[in-house]
Amino acid sequence: MNREFWDCGKVRRVVCLVFGICAAALLTGSCVERGIERVEAKMERTQKTLAKEVLRFHVLANSDSEEDQAVKVKVRDAVLAYMEESMGDELSGVADAEETKAWVESHLHELEDVADRTVEAEGYSYRSEADVEVSYFPDKLYGDVFFPQGEYEALKIRLGQARGHNWWCVLYPSLCFTDTACKVVSDEGKQGLREALTAEEYEMVTATSDFKIKWFFFGEGAD
């Protein structure tokens, strides 16, 4: 009788232990899932705000050949140089995203001419097409600034058949890097983001790992 009672007690303890482990796993899984959902929801809201305040730049190469990819880089550099010089002369003060977009839309033909001349100088005859349109962009890290995936307005330049790997950056605020060895966002670029976003949103896109962990576990109530 005592042995039977003892055996039942052991079984009960094992069952309780297994149940406790399963319950803990379920609770942990639930907490992790809620944490992920909080971060994703916050990132989605930040992306929508960010999309209203930036203008991105997208260049699609004619093909993935080494030559066409080299032409893409030449076009990128030429267009950025033209915009820096011309837009700076025509716009007084510091332009915001809407002013930058308006300037780009009124100079699409000039931008195409710059691209076409660059292509011709490299010995090719295909033409370019420039437009401002809404495009989907994947997650992208510009230096130490993170842009969540989503739809953004962008100046898009298609070269020839536009079937090659592309290159992108942010025209406003200026987060374009032509030197891949040095990708540190300038103070001016960060200031533009800081003015466009709330303090919390700005911290989100320039987040340290500590901030992301804080958001994951504590959500919007975290200090």
Protein backbone atom coordinates (compact mmCIF):
# COMPACT_ATOMS: atom_id res chain seq x y z
CA MET A 1 0.00 0.00 0.00
CA ASN A 2 2.75 2.42 0.98
CA ARG A 3 4.77 1.42 -2.05
CA GLU A 4 1.77 1.93 -4.31
CA PHE A 5 1.13 5.34 -2.73
CA TRP A 6 4.80 6.26 -3.17
CA ASP A 7 4.74 5.21 -6.83
CA CYS A 8 1.63 7.28 -7.43
CA GLY A 9 3.33 10.24 -5.77
CA LYS A 10 6.33 9.89 -8.06
CA VAL A 11 4.10 9.72 -11.12
CA ARG A 12 2.20 12.77 -9.89
CA ARG A 13 5.44 14.72 -9.42
CA VAL A 14 6.67 13.73 -12.90
CA VAL A 15 3.36 14.73 -14.44
CA CYS A 16 3.45 18.04 -12.60
CA LEU A 17 7.03 18.62 -13.71
CA VAL A 18 6.22 17.88 -17.35
CA PHE A 19 3.12 20.06 -17.17
CA GLY A 20 5.15 22.86 -15.61
CA ILE A 21 7.78 22.65 -18.34
CA CYS A 22 5.11 22.65 -21.07
CA ALA A 23 3.30 25.58 -19.47
CA ALA A 24 6.54 27.54 -19.19
CA ALA A 25 7.35 26.81 -22.82
CA LEU A 26 3.90 27.92 -23.92
CA LEU A 27 4.10 31.11 -21.86
CA THR A 28 7.60 31.85 -23.18
CA GLY A 29 6.46 31.21 -26.74
CA SER A 30 3.46 33.47 -26.23
CA CYS A 31 5.65 36.26 -24.81
CA VAL A 32 8.09 35.93 -27.69
CA GLU A 33 5.26 36.03 -30.21
CA ARG A 34 3.74 39.12 -28.59
CA GLY A 35 7.17 40.75 -28.52
CA ILE A 36 7.67 40.11 -32.21
CA GLU A 37 4.21 41.45 -33.00
CA ARG A 38 4.90 44.65 -31.01
CA VAL A 39 8.17 45.28 -32.81
CA GLU A 40 6.67 44.56 -36.23
CA ALA A 41 3.67 46.83 -35.58
CA LYS A 42 5.92 49.65 -34.39
CA MET A 43 8.23 49.21 -37.36
CA GLU A 44 5.28 49.29 -39.77
CA ARG A 45 4.02 52.56 -38.27
CA THR A 46 7.51 54.04 -38.42
CA GLN A 47 7.86 53.01 -42.07
CA LYS A 48 4.60 54.73 -43.01
CA THR A 49 5.73 57.95 -41.33
CA LEU A 50 9.18 57.69 -42.85
CA ALA A 51 7.75 57.14 -46.33
CA LYS A 52 6.04 60.54 -46.18
CA GLU A 53 9.25 62.32 -45.29
CA VAL A 54 11.85 60.86 -47.65
CA LEU A 55 12.54 60.53 -51.36
CA ARG A 56 14.58 57.55 -52.46
CA PHE A 57 16.74 57.00 -55.57
CA HIS A 58 16.72 53.82 -57.63
CA VAL A 59 18.91 53.01 -60.65
CA LEU A 60 18.28 49.82 -62.64
CA ALA A 61 21.11 48.59 -64.87
CA ASN A 62 20.52 47.39 -68.42
CA SER A 63 21.75 43.91 -67.49
CA ASP A 64 23.95 42.07 -65.03
CA SER A 65 26.97 42.11 -67.32
CA GLU A 66 30.09 43.62 -65.81
CA GLU A 67 30.01 46.39 -68.41
CA ASP A 68 26.38 47.37 -67.79
CA GLN A 69 26.88 47.31 -64.04
CA ALA A 70 29.85 49.67 -64.46
CA VAL A 71 27.67 52.00 -66.58
CA LYS A 72 25.02 51.98 -63.84
CA VAL A 73 27.59 53.26 -61.33
CA LYS A 74 28.73 55.96 -63.76
CA VAL A 75 25.13 57.09 -64.26
CA ARG A 76 24.54 57.12 -60.52
CA ASP A 77 27.55 59.35 -59.91
CA ALA A 78 26.68 61.70 -62.78
CA VAL A 79 23.05 62.13 -61.72
CA LEU A 80 23.94 62.74 -58.07
CA ALA A 81 26.60 65.29 -59.05
CA TYR A 82 24.14 67.09 -61.37
CA MET A 83 21.46 67.18 -58.68
CA GLU A 84 23.82 68.44 -56.01
CA GLU A 85 24.98 71.30 -58.20
CA SER A 86 21.73 72.25 -59.93
CA MET A 87 19.29 71.77 -57.07
CA GLY A 88 21.56 73.68 -54.72
CA ASP A 89 21.60 76.62 -57.12
CA GLU A 90 17.84 76.65 -57.73
CA LEU A 91 16.45 75.99 -54.25
CA SER A 92 17.13 78.53 -51.55
CA GLY A 93 17.87 77.15 -48.12
CA VAL A 94 17.49 73.48 -47.20
CA ALA A 95 14.86 71.67 -49.29
CA ASP A 96 12.47 69.23 -47.64
CA ALA A 97 11.18 65.99 -49.19
CA GLU A 98 8.30 67.70 -51.04
CA GLU A 99 10.55 70.41 -52.49
CA THR A 100 13.10 67.80 -53.52
CA LYS A 101 10.37 65.72 -55.17
CA ALA A 102 8.93 68.77 -56.97
CA TRP A 103 12.39 69.73 -58.25
CA VAL A 104 13.05 66.19 -59.48
CA GLU A 105 9.68 65.94 -61.24
CA SER A 106 10.31 69.24 -63.04
CA HIS A 107 13.78 68.10 -64.17
CA LEU A 108 13.12 64.54 -65.33
CA HIS A 109 14.17 65.32 -68.91
CA GLU A 110 17.40 66.90 -67.73
CA LEU A 111 18.12 63.87 -65.55
CA GLU A 112 17.50 61.59 -68.52
CA ASP A 113 19.87 63.71 -70.60
CA VAL A 114 22.58 63.36 -67.96
CA ALA A 115 22.07 59.59 -67.89
CA ASP A 116 21.99 59.31 -71.70
CA ARG A 117 25.17 61.32 -72.12
CA THR A 118 26.90 59.15 -69.55
CA VAL A 119 25.79 55.96 -71.30
CA GLU A 120 26.95 57.31 -74.67
CA ALA A 121 30.32 58.34 -73.21
CA GLU A 122 30.82 54.70 -72.20
CA GLY A 123 30.19 53.59 -75.81
CA TYR A 124 26.61 52.30 -75.53
CA SER A 125 23.44 53.34 -77.34
CA TYR A 126 20.63 52.28 -75.02
CA ARG A 127 18.52 55.05 -73.53
CA SER A 128 17.36 55.93 -70.04
CA GLU A 129 13.93 56.60 -68.58
CA ALA A 130 13.42 58.66 -65.42
CA ASP A 131 10.27 58.93 -63.34
CA VAL A 132 9.07 59.46 -59.78
CA GLU A 133 6.97 56.54 -58.61
CA VAL A 134 6.04 54.47 -55.58
CA SER A 135 8.12 51.31 -55.30
CA TYR A 136 8.57 48.54 -52.78
CA PHE A 137 11.95 48.49 -51.05
CA PRO A 138 13.25 45.71 -48.79
CA ASP A 139 14.85 46.38 -45.41
CA LYS A 140 17.95 48.49 -45.97
CA LEU A 141 20.72 49.76 -43.73
CA TYR A 142 22.27 53.06 -44.84
CA GLY A 143 25.38 53.36 -42.74
CA ASP A 144 23.93 53.30 -39.22
CA VAL A 145 20.36 54.22 -40.24
CA PHE A 146 17.80 51.46 -40.83
CA PHE A 147 14.94 51.83 -43.33
CA PRO A 148 12.15 49.26 -42.82
CA GLN A 149 10.73 47.42 -45.81
CA GLY A 150 7.70 48.96 -47.46
CA GLU A 151 6.57 51.33 -50.18
CA TYR A 152 8.42 54.61 -50.75
CA GLU A 153 8.38 57.30 -53.42
CA ALA A 154 11.55 57.22 -55.46
CA LEU A 155 13.28 58.76 -58.42
CA LYS A 156 13.69 55.68 -60.61
CA ILE A 157 16.08 55.65 -63.57
CA ARG A 158 15.84 52.65 -65.88
CA LEU A 159 18.78 52.03 -68.18
CA GLY A 160 18.05 50.18 -71.43
CA GLN A 161 16.09 47.01 -70.67
CA ALA A 162 16.48 47.56 -66.90
CA ARG A 163 17.02 43.85 -66.24
CA GLY A 164 20.18 44.13 -64.16
CA HIS A 165 20.87 44.45 -60.46
CA ASN A 166 19.87 47.82 -59.11
CA TRP A 167 21.33 50.42 -56.79
CA TRP A 168 19.40 52.63 -54.38
CA CYS A 169 19.85 55.30 -51.77
CA VAL A 170 17.89 58.17 -50.20
CA LEU A 171 17.91 61.55 -51.94
CA TYR A 172 16.21 63.35 -49.08
CA PRO A 173 17.53 63.53 -46.49
CA SER A 174 20.86 62.92 -48.18
CA LEU A 175 21.87 59.33 -47.41
CA CYS A 176 23.54 58.41 -50.71
CA PHE A 177 26.93 56.76 -50.53
CA THR A 178 29.12 56.61 -53.64
CA ASP A 179 32.09 55.36 -51.65
CA THR A 180 31.20 51.86 -50.43
CA ALA A 181 34.21 51.86 -48.10
CA CYS A 182 32.78 54.66 -45.96
CA LYS A 183 29.12 54.39 -45.03
CA VAL A 184 28.52 56.76 -42.15
CA VAL A 185 25.43 58.95 -42.33
CA SER A 186 26.35 62.62 -42.09
CA ASP A 187 25.14 64.79 -39.22
CA GLU A 188 23.12 66.77 -41.78
CA GLY A 189 21.38 63.62 -43.00
CA LYS A 190 20.58 62.52 -39.45
CA GLN A 191 19.30 65.98 -38.58
CA GLY A 192 16.90 65.78 -41.52
CA LEU A 193 15.55 62.49 -40.20
CA ARG A 194 15.37 63.82 -36.65
CA GLU A 195 13.24 66.74 -37.82
CA ALA A 196 10.94 64.50 -39.87
CA LEU A 197 10.32 61.82 -37.23
CA THR A 198 9.22 61.73 -33.62
CA ALA A 199 11.96 61.12 -31.07
CA GLU A 200 10.78 57.54 -30.63
CA GLU A 201 10.65 56.87 -34.39
CA TYR A 202 14.09 58.38 -34.85
CA GLU A 203 15.45 56.14 -32.13
CA MET A 204 13.80 53.18 -33.84
CA VAL A 205 15.56 53.69 -37.19
CA THR A 206 18.89 54.47 -35.56
CA ALA A 207 18.30 51.87 -32.86
CA THR A 208 20.98 50.18 -30.88
CA SER A 209 20.50 46.54 -29.96
CA ASP A 210 19.55 47.66 -26.42
CA PHE A 211 16.64 49.70 -27.78
CA LYS A 212 15.37 46.77 -29.88
CA ILE A 213 15.57 44.41 -26.92
CA LYS A 214 13.70 46.96 -24.78
CA TRP A 215 10.95 47.21 -27.40
CA PHE A 216 10.79 43.44 -27.81
CA PHE A 217 10.09 42.76 -24.14
CA PHE A 218 8.34 45.90 -22.92
CA GLY A 219 6.74 47.54 -25.96
CA GLU A 220 5.46 51.11 -25.96
CA GLY A 221 5.50 51.42 -22.19
CA ALA A 222 9.29 51.11 -22.03
CA ASP A 223 11.31 54.09 -20.87
